[in-house]
């Protein structure tokens, strides 16, 4: 996998930002960035070797930590626990209530006011 300078430039332009500004905010030096951009692959050789032996692409061995997915798993586990302890309750109502309790009261109120209009 290579870095797409064109894609990064496009995204910067779309956000009204310069490459220099982006790199500065990201804490990446221009030299480091352009050194990586010139490489044939930014995937470590070790990962490429392991993926080659397994017969898969290197990106198939990577995972993305998805905070939202983790939060939803926790929410569903809490929902299941409450439903297990209270068999007569509606699972969807419990899940919805738990979602609302995670929000700040002012945000819940704002959303309710927008809906009421």
N, C-alpha and C. Protein backbone atom coordinates (compact mmCIF):
# COMPACT_ATOMS: atom_id res chain seq x y z
N UNK A 1 0.85 -1.18 0.00
CA UNK A 1 0.00 0.00 0.00
C UNK A 1 0.88 1.23 0.00
N UNK A 2 0.47 2.17 -0.80
CA UNK A 2 1.21 3.43 -0.90
C UNK A 2 0.36 4.58 -0.39
N UNK A 3 1.06 5.66 -0.03
CA UNK A 3 0.36 6.87 0.37
C UNK A 3 -0.04 7.61 -0.91
N UNK A 4 -1.27 8.06 -0.97
CA UNK A 4 -1.75 8.82 -2.11
C UNK A 4 -1.65 10.31 -1.79
N UNK A 5 -0.61 10.94 -2.28
CA UNK A 5 -0.43 12.38 -2.04
C UNK A 5 -1.60 13.15 -2.66
N UNK A 6 -2.05 12.71 -3.83
CA UNK A 6 -3.16 13.38 -4.49
C UNK A 6 -4.42 13.35 -3.64
N UNK A 7 -4.68 12.21 -3.02
CA UNK A 7 -5.87 12.07 -2.17
C UNK A 7 -5.76 12.98 -0.95
N UNK A 8 -4.58 13.03 -0.35
CA UNK A 8 -4.38 13.88 0.83
C UNK A 8 -4.52 15.34 0.45
N UNK A 9 -3.93 15.73 -0.69
CA UNK A 9 -4.05 17.11 -1.15
C UNK A 9 -5.51 17.47 -1.41
N UNK A 10 -6.24 16.55 -2.02
CA UNK A 10 -7.66 16.78 -2.30
C UNK A 10 -8.44 17.00 -1.01
N UNK A 11 -8.21 16.12 -0.01
CA UNK A 11 -8.92 16.24 1.26
C UNK A 11 -8.56 17.53 1.99
N UNK A 12 -7.29 17.93 1.90
CA UNK A 12 -6.87 19.20 2.50
C UNK A 12 -7.58 20.37 1.82
N UNK A 13 -7.59 20.34 0.50
CA UNK A 13 -8.22 21.41 -0.27
C UNK A 13 -9.71 21.49 0.05
N UNK A 14 -10.34 20.34 0.18
CA UNK A 14 -11.77 20.27 0.49
C UNK A 14 -12.06 20.90 1.85
N UNK A 15 -11.11 20.78 2.77
CA UNK A 15 -11.28 21.33 4.12
C UNK A 15 -10.68 22.73 4.26
N UNK A 16 -10.14 23.26 3.15
CA UNK A 16 -9.54 24.59 3.18
C UNK A 16 -8.25 24.64 3.98
N UNK A 17 -7.49 23.57 3.92
CA UNK A 17 -6.26 23.46 4.68
C UNK A 17 -5.09 23.18 3.74
N UNK A 18 -3.91 23.58 4.16
CA UNK A 18 -2.71 23.30 3.36
C UNK A 18 -2.08 22.00 3.85
N UNK A 19 -1.25 21.41 3.01
CA UNK A 19 -0.51 20.21 3.40
C UNK A 19 0.39 20.53 4.59
N UNK A 20 1.04 21.68 4.54
CA UNK A 20 1.94 22.08 5.62
C UNK A 20 1.18 22.18 6.93
N UNK A 21 0.01 22.80 6.89
CA UNK A 21 -0.82 22.92 8.08
C UNK A 21 -1.25 21.57 8.62
N UNK A 22 -1.66 20.69 7.72
CA UNK A 22 -2.08 19.35 8.12
C UNK A 22 -0.94 18.60 8.80
N UNK A 23 0.23 18.60 8.15
CA UNK A 23 1.37 17.88 8.70
C UNK A 23 1.77 18.45 10.06
N UNK A 24 1.70 19.76 10.19
CA UNK A 24 2.03 20.40 11.45
C UNK A 24 1.06 19.97 12.55
N UNK A 25 -0.24 20.00 12.23
CA UNK A 25 -1.25 19.59 13.22
C UNK A 25 -1.13 18.12 13.58
N UNK A 26 -0.71 17.30 12.61
CA UNK A 26 -0.58 15.86 12.84
C UNK A 26 0.73 15.52 13.55
N UNK A 27 1.63 16.50 13.64
CA UNK A 27 2.91 16.25 14.29
C UNK A 27 3.85 15.42 13.43
N UNK A 28 3.71 15.56 12.12
CA UNK A 28 4.54 14.80 11.17
C UNK A 28 5.40 15.80 10.40
N UNK A 29 6.70 15.54 10.35
CA UNK A 29 7.57 16.45 9.61
C UNK A 29 7.39 16.23 8.11
N UNK A 30 7.66 17.28 7.35
CA UNK A 30 7.55 17.17 5.89
C UNK A 30 8.50 16.10 5.36
N UNK A 31 9.72 16.05 5.92
CA UNK A 31 10.69 15.05 5.48
C UNK A 31 10.17 13.63 5.71
N UNK A 32 9.63 13.39 6.90
CA UNK A 32 9.11 12.06 7.21
C UNK A 32 7.96 11.69 6.27
N UNK A 33 7.06 12.65 6.03
CA UNK A 33 5.92 12.39 5.16
C UNK A 33 6.37 12.06 3.75
N UNK A 34 7.23 12.89 3.17
CA UNK A 34 7.64 12.67 1.80
C UNK A 34 8.54 11.45 1.66
N UNK A 35 9.26 11.08 2.71
CA UNK A 35 10.03 9.84 2.69
C UNK A 35 9.07 8.66 2.59
N UNK A 36 8.01 8.68 3.39
CA UNK A 36 7.01 7.61 3.33
C UNK A 36 6.28 7.60 1.98
N UNK A 37 5.99 8.80 1.48
CA UNK A 37 5.24 8.90 0.22
C UNK A 37 6.03 8.34 -0.96
N UNK A 38 7.35 8.41 -0.89
CA UNK A 38 8.18 7.88 -2.00
C UNK A 38 8.35 6.37 -1.94
N UNK A 39 8.05 5.78 -0.80
CA UNK A 39 8.22 4.32 -0.67
C UNK A 39 7.19 3.58 -1.51
N UNK A 40 7.63 2.42 -1.95
CA UNK A 40 6.75 1.55 -2.73
C UNK A 40 5.59 1.06 -1.85
N UNK A 41 5.88 0.86 -0.56
CA UNK A 41 4.86 0.39 0.37
C UNK A 41 5.14 0.94 1.76
N UNK A 42 4.09 1.33 2.46
CA UNK A 42 4.25 1.80 3.84
C UNK A 42 3.95 0.67 4.83
N UNK A 43 3.63 -0.49 4.31
CA UNK A 43 3.40 -1.66 5.15
C UNK A 43 4.77 -2.21 5.57
N UNK A 44 4.96 -2.50 6.84
CA UNK A 44 6.25 -3.07 7.28
C UNK A 44 6.54 -4.38 6.56
N UNK A 45 7.81 -4.59 6.27
CA UNK A 45 8.22 -5.81 5.55
C UNK A 45 7.79 -7.07 6.30
N UNK A 46 7.83 -7.03 7.62
CA UNK A 46 7.43 -8.19 8.41
C UNK A 46 5.98 -8.57 8.11
N UNK A 47 5.14 -7.59 8.07
CA UNK A 47 3.72 -7.84 7.79
C UNK A 47 3.54 -8.36 6.36
N UNK A 48 4.30 -7.80 5.44
CA UNK A 48 4.22 -8.28 4.05
C UNK A 48 4.68 -9.74 3.95
N UNK A 49 5.73 -10.09 4.68
CA UNK A 49 6.24 -11.47 4.65
C UNK A 49 5.22 -12.44 5.24
N UNK A 50 4.62 -12.08 6.36
CA UNK A 50 3.63 -12.94 6.99
C UNK A 50 2.41 -13.11 6.09
N UNK A 51 1.94 -12.00 5.51
CA UNK A 51 0.76 -12.08 4.65
C UNK A 51 1.06 -12.90 3.39
N UNK A 52 2.28 -12.78 2.87
CA UNK A 52 2.65 -13.56 1.68
C UNK A 52 2.61 -15.06 2.00
N UNK A 53 3.11 -15.44 3.16
CA UNK A 53 3.11 -16.86 3.55
C UNK A 53 1.70 -17.38 3.80
N UNK A 54 0.82 -16.49 4.25
CA UNK A 54 -0.58 -16.89 4.48
C UNK A 54 -1.42 -16.82 3.21
N UNK A 55 -0.88 -16.15 2.19
CA UNK A 55 -1.60 -16.02 0.93
C UNK A 55 -2.73 -15.00 0.99
N UNK A 56 -2.56 -13.98 1.82
CA UNK A 56 -3.58 -12.93 1.93
C UNK A 56 -2.93 -11.57 1.75
N UNK A 57 -3.76 -10.54 1.55
CA UNK A 57 -3.24 -9.17 1.46
C UNK A 57 -2.84 -8.69 2.85
N UNK A 58 -1.84 -7.85 2.97
CA UNK A 58 -1.43 -7.34 4.30
C UNK A 58 -2.55 -6.66 5.06
N UNK A 59 -3.43 -5.93 4.36
CA UNK A 59 -4.50 -5.22 5.07
C UNK A 59 -5.51 -6.18 5.70
N UNK A 60 -5.52 -7.45 5.27
CA UNK A 60 -6.42 -8.42 5.87
C UNK A 60 -5.97 -8.83 7.27
N UNK A 61 -4.72 -8.52 7.60
CA UNK A 61 -4.18 -8.86 8.91
C UNK A 61 -4.30 -7.71 9.90
N UNK A 62 -4.81 -6.59 9.44
CA UNK A 62 -4.91 -5.40 10.28
C UNK A 62 -6.33 -5.26 10.81
N UNK A 63 -6.44 -4.58 11.91
CA UNK A 63 -7.75 -4.29 12.48
C UNK A 63 -7.81 -2.80 12.77
N UNK A 64 -8.99 -2.27 12.72
CA UNK A 64 -9.20 -0.87 13.03
C UNK A 64 -9.96 -0.81 14.34
N UNK A 65 -9.41 -0.11 15.31
CA UNK A 65 -10.12 0.04 16.57
C UNK A 65 -11.27 1.00 16.34
N UNK A 66 -12.44 0.47 16.47
CA UNK A 66 -13.64 1.25 16.23
C UNK A 66 -14.33 1.50 17.56
N UNK A 67 -14.17 2.70 18.07
CA UNK A 67 -14.71 3.04 19.38
C UNK A 67 -16.23 2.93 19.41
N UNK A 68 -16.87 3.35 18.33
CA UNK A 68 -18.34 3.30 18.28
C UNK A 68 -18.85 1.86 18.37
N UNK A 69 -18.19 0.95 17.68
CA UNK A 69 -18.59 -0.45 17.72
C UNK A 69 -18.44 -1.00 19.13
N UNK A 70 -17.33 -0.68 19.78
CA UNK A 70 -17.10 -1.11 21.16
C UNK A 70 -18.17 -0.57 22.09
N UNK A 71 -18.50 0.72 21.93
CA UNK A 71 -19.54 1.33 22.77
C UNK A 71 -20.88 0.64 22.57
N UNK A 72 -21.21 0.31 21.31
CA UNK A 72 -22.48 -0.35 21.03
C UNK A 72 -22.51 -1.76 21.63
N UNK A 73 -21.38 -2.46 21.60
CA UNK A 73 -21.33 -3.80 22.22
C UNK A 73 -21.59 -3.70 23.71
N UNK A 74 -21.00 -2.70 24.36
CA UNK A 74 -21.21 -2.49 25.79
C UNK A 74 -22.68 -2.16 26.06
N UNK A 75 -23.25 -1.28 25.25
CA UNK A 75 -24.65 -0.91 25.40
C UNK A 75 -25.56 -2.12 25.27
N UNK A 76 -25.30 -2.96 24.27
CA UNK A 76 -26.14 -4.15 24.06
C UNK A 76 -25.98 -5.14 25.20
N UNK A 77 -24.77 -5.26 25.75
CA UNK A 77 -24.55 -6.14 26.89
C UNK A 77 -25.34 -5.64 28.11
N UNK A 78 -25.32 -4.32 28.33
CA UNK A 78 -26.09 -3.73 29.43
C UNK A 78 -27.58 -3.96 29.21
N UNK A 79 -28.03 -3.78 27.98
CA UNK A 79 -29.44 -4.00 27.64
C UNK A 79 -29.84 -5.44 27.94
N UNK A 80 -29.02 -6.39 27.48
CA UNK A 80 -29.31 -7.80 27.71
C UNK A 80 -29.38 -8.13 29.20
N UNK A 81 -28.48 -7.52 29.97
CA UNK A 81 -28.47 -7.77 31.43
C UNK A 81 -29.76 -7.26 32.08
N UNK A 82 -30.20 -6.08 31.70
CA UNK A 82 -31.44 -5.52 32.27
C UNK A 82 -32.64 -6.36 31.86
N UNK A 83 -32.70 -6.77 30.60
CA UNK A 83 -33.82 -7.59 30.11
C UNK A 83 -33.82 -8.95 30.81
N UNK A 84 -32.64 -9.49 31.05
CA UNK A 84 -32.54 -10.78 31.74
C UNK A 84 -33.10 -10.68 33.16
N UNK A 85 -32.78 -9.57 33.83
CA UNK A 85 -33.24 -9.38 35.21
C UNK A 85 -34.71 -8.98 35.28
N UNK A 86 -35.23 -8.41 34.20
CA UNK A 86 -36.63 -7.94 34.15
C UNK A 86 -37.30 -8.49 32.90
N UNK A 87 -37.73 -9.74 32.93
CA UNK A 87 -38.24 -10.42 31.73
C UNK A 87 -39.41 -9.73 31.02
N UNK A 88 -40.19 -8.93 31.68
CA UNK A 88 -41.36 -8.34 31.04
C UNK A 88 -41.08 -7.05 30.26
N UNK A 89 -39.86 -6.54 30.31
CA UNK A 89 -39.60 -5.24 29.67
C UNK A 89 -39.27 -5.43 28.18
N UNK A 90 -39.53 -4.37 27.43
CA UNK A 90 -39.25 -4.38 26.00
C UNK A 90 -37.76 -4.06 25.78
N UNK A 91 -37.07 -4.94 25.12
CA UNK A 91 -35.63 -4.79 24.90
C UNK A 91 -35.29 -3.48 24.18
N UNK A 92 -36.06 -3.14 23.18
CA UNK A 92 -35.80 -1.93 22.40
C UNK A 92 -35.97 -0.66 23.25
N UNK A 93 -36.97 -0.66 24.11
CA UNK A 93 -37.17 0.48 25.00
C UNK A 93 -36.00 0.63 25.98
N UNK A 94 -35.50 -0.48 26.48
CA UNK A 94 -34.36 -0.44 27.40
C UNK A 94 -33.13 0.12 26.67
N UNK A 95 -32.88 -0.38 25.47
CA UNK A 95 -31.72 0.09 24.70
C UNK A 95 -31.83 1.59 24.43
N UNK A 96 -33.02 2.02 24.05
CA UNK A 96 -33.23 3.44 23.75
C UNK A 96 -33.03 4.30 25.00
N UNK A 97 -33.54 3.84 26.13
CA UNK A 97 -33.37 4.59 27.39
C UNK A 97 -31.88 4.68 27.75
N UNK A 98 -31.15 3.59 27.60
CA UNK A 98 -29.72 3.61 27.92
C UNK A 98 -28.97 4.57 27.00
N UNK A 99 -29.37 4.62 25.74
CA UNK A 99 -28.75 5.58 24.81
C UNK A 99 -29.01 7.01 25.27
N UNK A 100 -30.23 7.28 25.67
CA UNK A 100 -30.59 8.62 26.12
C UNK A 100 -29.84 9.00 27.40
N UNK A 101 -29.66 8.05 28.31
CA UNK A 101 -28.96 8.34 29.55
C UNK A 101 -27.49 8.68 29.32
N UNK A 102 -26.94 8.28 28.19
CA UNK A 102 -25.54 8.58 27.87
C UNK A 102 -25.35 10.02 27.38
N UNK A 103 -26.44 10.64 26.99
CA UNK A 103 -26.38 12.01 26.50
C UNK A 103 -26.51 12.99 27.65
N UNK A 104 -26.00 14.18 27.44
CA UNK A 104 -26.19 15.25 28.41
C UNK A 104 -27.66 15.66 28.37
N UNK A 105 -28.24 15.98 29.52
CA UNK A 105 -29.66 16.37 29.56
C UNK A 105 -29.98 17.52 28.61
N UNK A 106 -29.09 18.49 28.49
CA UNK A 106 -29.37 19.63 27.61
C UNK A 106 -29.47 19.19 26.15
N UNK A 107 -28.66 18.20 25.76
CA UNK A 107 -28.73 17.69 24.39
C UNK A 107 -30.04 16.96 24.13
N UNK A 108 -30.47 16.19 25.12
CA UNK A 108 -31.76 15.50 24.98
C UNK A 108 -32.89 16.51 24.84
N UNK A 109 -32.82 17.56 25.64
CA UNK A 109 -33.84 18.59 25.59
C UNK A 109 -33.85 19.30 24.24
N UNK A 110 -32.68 19.64 23.74
CA UNK A 110 -32.60 20.31 22.42
C UNK A 110 -33.21 19.45 21.32
N UNK A 111 -32.88 18.17 21.34
CA UNK A 111 -33.43 17.27 20.32
C UNK A 111 -34.94 17.18 20.43
N UNK A 112 -35.44 17.12 21.64
CA UNK A 112 -36.88 17.05 21.85
C UNK A 112 -37.56 18.32 21.35
N UNK A 113 -36.93 19.45 21.58
CA UNK A 113 -37.52 20.71 21.13
C UNK A 113 -37.52 20.81 19.61
N UNK A 114 -36.48 20.31 18.97
CA UNK A 114 -36.42 20.33 17.51
C UNK A 114 -37.51 19.44 16.94
N UNK A 115 -37.74 18.28 17.54
CA UNK A 115 -38.78 17.38 17.06
C UNK A 115 -40.17 17.96 17.25
N UNK A 116 -40.36 18.72 18.32
CA UNK A 116 -41.69 19.23 18.59
C UNK A 116 -42.12 20.35 17.66
N UNK A 117 -41.19 20.94 16.96
CA UNK A 117 -41.53 22.06 16.07
C UNK A 117 -42.24 21.62 14.86
